[in-house]
């Protein structure tokens, strides 16, 4: 299994603090059936800056250490970039890193409570440059929960999205779990990943998420998400179903 979103690199953000933390996370990942994982440290979120060249060096160092520890996990390079106005310029200057470095997919994080008005134009410009934005954890964004048509329009216009395993399994609460299911049912998400930060309160939950997914939607849905992760790290185009608008129900659910 491939996990495309993690904070396993030590000492760079609010994920693993020490190399031992990274080792502990790696062992837990392997126990859940994960054999490849993309390290996606935070970048430009107001607290952390991790540019492309630094991430590549740190991924090499971690892979060497895991090999010495005889842990069979391949760490791949990536980045979780907070949206900002000069994002495309920084990409052109080589500061940003697409997922696994060979794909055209770039993680973009929104502020937790809102979606900047310039997101539509920025995403349009990014795609003209050959870069496809992947919106991380849209199910935890307050504006998208309140106005799911906002997400529908972004996806319809070419963006992809990544759902968090812990959201699907209910660790962020019932409301976020229900919204996650709505996004799956409306073809508004394309990847499921852990966003793991540690082995305690923000761990992987990937195995549990896949079990949940299969029980509710069947084995074909497992294939959809696992194959998209495989295509992503190979630098190929992912599968996308035709997006639909999230159906609102009065007095029920979270709307």
Protein backbone atom coordinates (compact mmCIF):
# COMPACT_ATOMS: atom_id res chain seq x y z
CA UNK A 1 0.00 0.00 0.00
CA UNK A 2 1.13 3.55 -0.75
CA UNK A 3 0.59 6.47 1.61
CA UNK A 4 0.96 9.77 -0.25
CA UNK A 5 0.74 12.17 2.72
CA UNK A 6 2.85 12.00 5.89
CA UNK A 7 5.00 14.04 8.24
CA UNK A 8 7.63 11.36 8.80
CA UNK A 9 10.73 13.51 8.20
CA UNK A 10 12.33 14.34 11.55
CA UNK A 11 12.68 17.86 12.91
CA UNK A 12 11.19 19.82 10.01
CA UNK A 13 7.60 20.54 11.08
CA UNK A 14 4.95 19.40 13.59
CA UNK A 15 5.42 15.74 12.67
CA UNK A 16 8.29 13.50 13.75
CA UNK A 17 10.63 15.37 16.10
CA UNK A 18 13.58 12.98 16.24
CA UNK A 19 14.97 10.28 13.98
CA UNK A 20 13.65 7.74 16.48
CA UNK A 21 10.15 9.19 16.00
CA UNK A 22 10.59 8.62 12.27
CA UNK A 23 11.72 5.04 12.87
CA UNK A 24 8.70 4.39 15.12
CA UNK A 25 6.38 5.82 12.48
CA UNK A 26 8.04 3.71 9.80
CA UNK A 27 7.59 0.52 11.80
CA UNK A 28 3.91 1.30 12.39
CA UNK A 29 3.43 2.10 8.70
CA UNK A 30 4.90 -1.26 7.67
CA UNK A 31 2.68 -3.06 10.20
CA UNK A 32 -0.35 -1.54 8.42
CA UNK A 33 0.81 -2.81 5.05
CA UNK A 34 2.39 0.43 3.81
CA UNK A 35 5.55 -0.16 1.78
CA UNK A 36 5.95 3.26 0.15
CA UNK A 37 5.26 6.60 1.77
CA UNK A 38 5.59 10.18 0.58
CA UNK A 39 7.10 12.59 3.09
CA UNK A 40 5.17 15.84 2.73
CA UNK A 41 6.46 18.40 5.25
CA UNK A 42 4.59 21.67 5.66
CA UNK A 43 5.76 24.62 3.59
CA UNK A 44 4.81 28.31 3.73
CA UNK A 45 2.09 27.81 6.36
CA UNK A 46 3.30 30.74 8.47
CA UNK A 47 5.46 28.55 10.70
CA UNK A 48 7.45 26.13 8.56
CA UNK A 49 9.38 26.47 5.33
CA UNK A 50 10.75 23.36 3.65
CA UNK A 51 11.98 23.95 0.13
CA UNK A 52 12.47 21.29 -2.53
CA UNK A 53 16.24 20.83 -2.29
CA UNK A 54 16.19 20.47 1.52
CA UNK A 55 13.40 17.88 1.41
CA UNK A 56 15.28 15.79 -1.16
CA UNK A 57 18.38 15.68 1.07
CA UNK A 58 16.40 14.78 4.19
CA UNK A 59 14.48 12.02 2.40
CA UNK A 60 17.80 10.48 1.29
CA UNK A 61 19.08 10.63 4.87
CA UNK A 62 15.94 8.99 6.26
CA UNK A 63 15.97 6.22 3.66
CA UNK A 64 19.58 5.42 4.54
CA UNK A 65 18.71 5.27 8.23
CA UNK A 66 15.69 3.01 7.66
CA UNK A 67 17.86 0.70 5.57
CA UNK A 68 20.34 0.47 8.45
CA UNK A 69 17.45 -0.32 10.79
CA UNK A 70 16.27 -3.01 8.31
CA UNK A 71 12.83 -1.41 7.96
CA UNK A 72 11.32 -2.19 4.57
CA UNK A 73 9.76 1.19 3.84
CA UNK A 74 10.63 3.39 0.88
CA UNK A 75 10.28 7.11 1.64
CA UNK A 76 9.54 9.31 -1.37
CA UNK A 77 9.82 13.12 -1.55
CA UNK A 78 6.89 15.52 -1.47
CA UNK A 79 5.66 18.71 0.12
CA UNK A 80 2.47 20.11 1.66
CA UNK A 81 2.36 23.67 0.44
CA UNK A 82 -0.01 26.21 1.97
CA UNK A 83 -1.69 28.25 -0.73
CA UNK A 84 -0.16 31.68 -1.33
CA UNK A 85 -0.25 34.20 -4.13
CA UNK A 86 3.29 33.59 -5.43
CA UNK A 87 3.02 29.81 -5.41
CA UNK A 88 3.43 29.44 -9.16
CA UNK A 89 6.46 31.74 -9.21
CA UNK A 90 8.12 29.68 -6.48
CA UNK A 91 7.40 26.50 -8.45
CA UNK A 92 9.03 28.02 -11.52
CA UNK A 93 12.07 28.90 -9.39
CA UNK A 94 12.44 25.29 -8.24
CA UNK A 95 11.39 25.82 -4.61
CA UNK A 96 8.34 23.56 -4.71
CA UNK A 97 8.20 19.79 -5.04
CA UNK A 98 5.51 17.76 -6.76
CA UNK A 99 4.56 14.42 -5.22
CA UNK A 100 7.46 12.00 -5.68
CA UNK A 101 9.17 14.70 -7.75
CA UNK A 102 8.22 13.00 -11.03
CA UNK A 103 4.48 13.62 -11.03
CA UNK A 104 2.60 16.74 -12.11
CA UNK A 105 0.57 16.70 -8.86
CA UNK A 106 1.29 19.26 -6.13
CA UNK A 107 -0.27 19.26 -2.65
CA UNK A 108 -2.05 22.52 -1.83
CA UNK A 109 -3.37 23.23 1.66
CA UNK A 110 -6.09 25.80 2.38
CA UNK A 111 -6.45 27.62 5.69
CA UNK A 112 -8.66 25.48 7.94
CA UNK A 113 -11.58 27.91 7.94
CA UNK A 114 -11.63 29.33 4.42
CA UNK A 115 -10.73 29.11 0.74
CA UNK A 116 -8.93 32.17 -0.66
CA UNK A 117 -10.81 33.92 -3.43
CA UNK A 118 -7.80 33.74 -5.73
CA UNK A 119 -7.71 29.91 -5.56
CA UNK A 120 -9.67 29.47 -8.81
CA UNK A 121 -7.35 31.70 -10.83
CA UNK A 122 -4.23 30.25 -9.25
CA UNK A 123 -5.36 26.68 -9.98
CA UNK A 124 -6.12 27.69 -13.57
CA UNK A 125 -2.63 29.19 -13.96
CA UNK A 126 -1.02 26.14 -12.34
CA UNK A 127 -2.71 23.78 -14.77
CA UNK A 128 -1.65 25.93 -17.71
CA UNK A 129 1.89 25.37 -16.40
CA UNK A 130 1.29 21.61 -16.30
CA UNK A 131 0.88 21.39 -12.52
CA UNK A 132 -2.27 19.79 -11.08
CA UNK A 133 -3.26 21.00 -7.61
CA UNK A 134 -4.25 18.34 -5.08
CA UNK A 135 -6.33 19.87 -2.30
CA UNK A 136 -5.42 18.17 0.97
CA UNK A 137 -8.05 17.23 3.57
CA UNK A 138 -10.94 19.25 2.07
CA UNK A 139 -13.28 17.46 4.48
CA UNK A 140 -11.76 19.46 7.36
CA UNK A 141 -12.16 22.89 5.76
CA UNK A 142 -14.99 24.90 7.32
CA UNK A 143 -15.89 26.80 4.14
CA UNK A 144 -15.99 23.66 2.01
CA UNK A 145 -18.21 21.92 4.57
CA UNK A 146 -20.57 24.88 4.50
CA UNK A 147 -20.32 25.46 0.75
CA UNK A 148 -19.49 22.13 -0.95
CA UNK A 149 -20.26 23.63 -4.37
CA UNK A 150 -16.99 25.54 -3.96
CA UNK A 151 -15.13 22.23 -3.97
CA UNK A 152 -17.25 20.87 -6.80
CA UNK A 153 -16.25 23.80 -9.03
CA UNK A 154 -12.55 23.39 -8.23
CA UNK A 155 -12.65 19.66 -9.01
CA UNK A 156 -14.77 20.17 -12.12
CA UNK A 157 -12.12 22.59 -13.35
CA UNK A 158 -9.30 20.07 -12.91
CA UNK A 159 -8.14 19.98 -9.28
CA UNK A 160 -7.81 16.70 -7.41
CA UNK A 161 -8.37 16.14 -3.68
CA UNK A 162 -7.00 13.91 -0.93
CA UNK A 163 -9.13 12.64 1.95
CA UNK A 164 -7.63 11.81 5.35
CA UNK A 165 -7.90 8.21 6.55
CA UNK A 166 -8.73 9.32 10.10
CA UNK A 167 -11.59 11.47 8.80
CA UNK A 168 -13.15 8.49 7.06
CA UNK A 169 -12.84 6.33 10.18
CA UNK A 170 -14.41 8.92 12.48
CA UNK A 171 -11.39 10.10 14.48
CA UNK A 172 -12.18 13.74 13.68
CA UNK A 173 -15.83 13.31 14.68
CA UNK A 174 -19.08 12.17 13.10
CA UNK A 175 -19.71 15.35 11.10
CA UNK A 176 -16.38 15.18 9.30
CA UNK A 177 -16.87 11.44 8.77
CA UNK A 178 -20.26 12.06 7.14
CA UNK A 179 -18.88 14.82 4.94
CA UNK A 180 -16.02 12.53 3.91
CA UNK A 181 -18.57 9.95 2.79
CA UNK A 182 -20.46 12.60 0.83
CA UNK A 183 -17.26 13.55 -1.00
CA UNK A 184 -16.60 9.93 -1.92
CA UNK A 185 -20.16 9.43 -3.14
CA UNK A 186 -20.02 12.62 -5.24
CA UNK A 187 -16.68 11.64 -6.89
CA UNK A 188 -15.05 14.68 -5.30
CA UNK A 189 -11.97 12.96 -3.91
CA UNK A 190 -9.22 10.98 -5.61
CA UNK A 191 -6.82 9.82 -2.91
CA UNK A 192 -6.98 8.54 0.66
CA UNK A 193 -3.84 9.09 2.72
CA UNK A 194 -2.87 9.19 6.38
CA UNK A 195 -1.52 12.70 7.03
CA UNK A 196 0.25 10.91 9.90
CA UNK A 197 2.23 13.11 12.29
CA UNK A 198 3.16 10.58 15.00
CA UNK A 199 2.24 7.14 16.39
CA UNK A 200 -0.02 8.48 19.13
CA UNK A 201 -2.88 10.89 18.38
CA UNK A 202 -2.17 11.42 14.65
CA UNK A 203 -1.18 8.01 13.31
CA UNK A 204 -1.84 6.27 10.00
CA UNK A 205 -5.24 4.52 10.25
CA UNK A 206 -4.82 3.47 6.61
CA UNK A 207 -5.63 -0.19 7.16
CA UNK A 208 -8.74 0.77 9.12
CA UNK A 209 -9.78 3.30 6.46
CA UNK A 210 -9.49 0.70 3.70
CA UNK A 211 -11.58 -1.76 5.72
CA UNK A 212 -14.20 0.95 6.27
CA UNK A 213 -14.16 1.81 2.58
CA UNK A 214 -14.61 -1.80 1.47
CA UNK A 215 -17.46 -2.49 3.90
CA UNK A 216 -19.40 0.59 2.81
CA UNK A 217 -18.58 0.83 -0.91
CA UNK A 218 -17.11 -2.50 -2.01
CA UNK A 219 -13.74 -3.72 -3.28
CA UNK A 220 -13.82 -1.63 -6.48
CA UNK A 221 -13.49 1.53 -4.41
CA UNK A 222 -10.33 0.13 -2.79
CA UNK A 223 -8.88 -0.48 -6.24
CA UNK A 224 -9.75 3.06 -7.32
CA UNK A 225 -7.81 4.74 -4.53
CA UNK A 226 -4.89 2.32 -4.43
CA UNK A 227 -4.42 2.48 -8.20
CA UNK A 228 -4.53 6.28 -8.16
CA UNK A 229 -1.73 6.31 -5.58
CA UNK A 230 0.27 3.93 -7.78
CA UNK A 231 -0.29 6.05 -10.89
CA UNK A 232 0.70 9.17 -8.97
CA UNK A 233 4.11 7.92 -7.86
CA UNK A 234 4.77 6.61 -11.37
CA UNK A 235 4.16 10.10 -12.77
CA UNK A 236 1.08 9.04 -14.73
CA UNK A 237 -2.41 10.56 -14.99
CA UNK A 238 -4.79 9.38 -12.30
CA UNK A 239 -8.35 8.10 -12.73
CA UNK A 240 -11.10 10.67 -12.26
CA UNK A 241 -14.81 10.00 -12.18
CA UNK A 242 -17.23 12.75 -13.24
CA UNK A 243 -17.76 14.97 -10.18
CA UNK A 244 -21.22 15.61 -8.83
CA UNK A 245 -22.59 18.21 -6.46
CA UNK A 246 -22.96 17.20 -2.83
CA UNK A 247 -26.61 16.70 -2.06
CA UNK A 248 -27.86 18.75 0.87
CA UNK A 249 -30.54 17.33 3.15
CA UNK A 250 -32.53 19.53 5.47
CA UNK A 251 -32.52 18.60 9.15
CA UNK A 252 -30.20 15.67 8.52
CA UNK A 253 -26.47 15.23 8.32
CA UNK A 254 -24.30 18.27 8.84
CA UNK A 255 -26.03 20.78 6.59
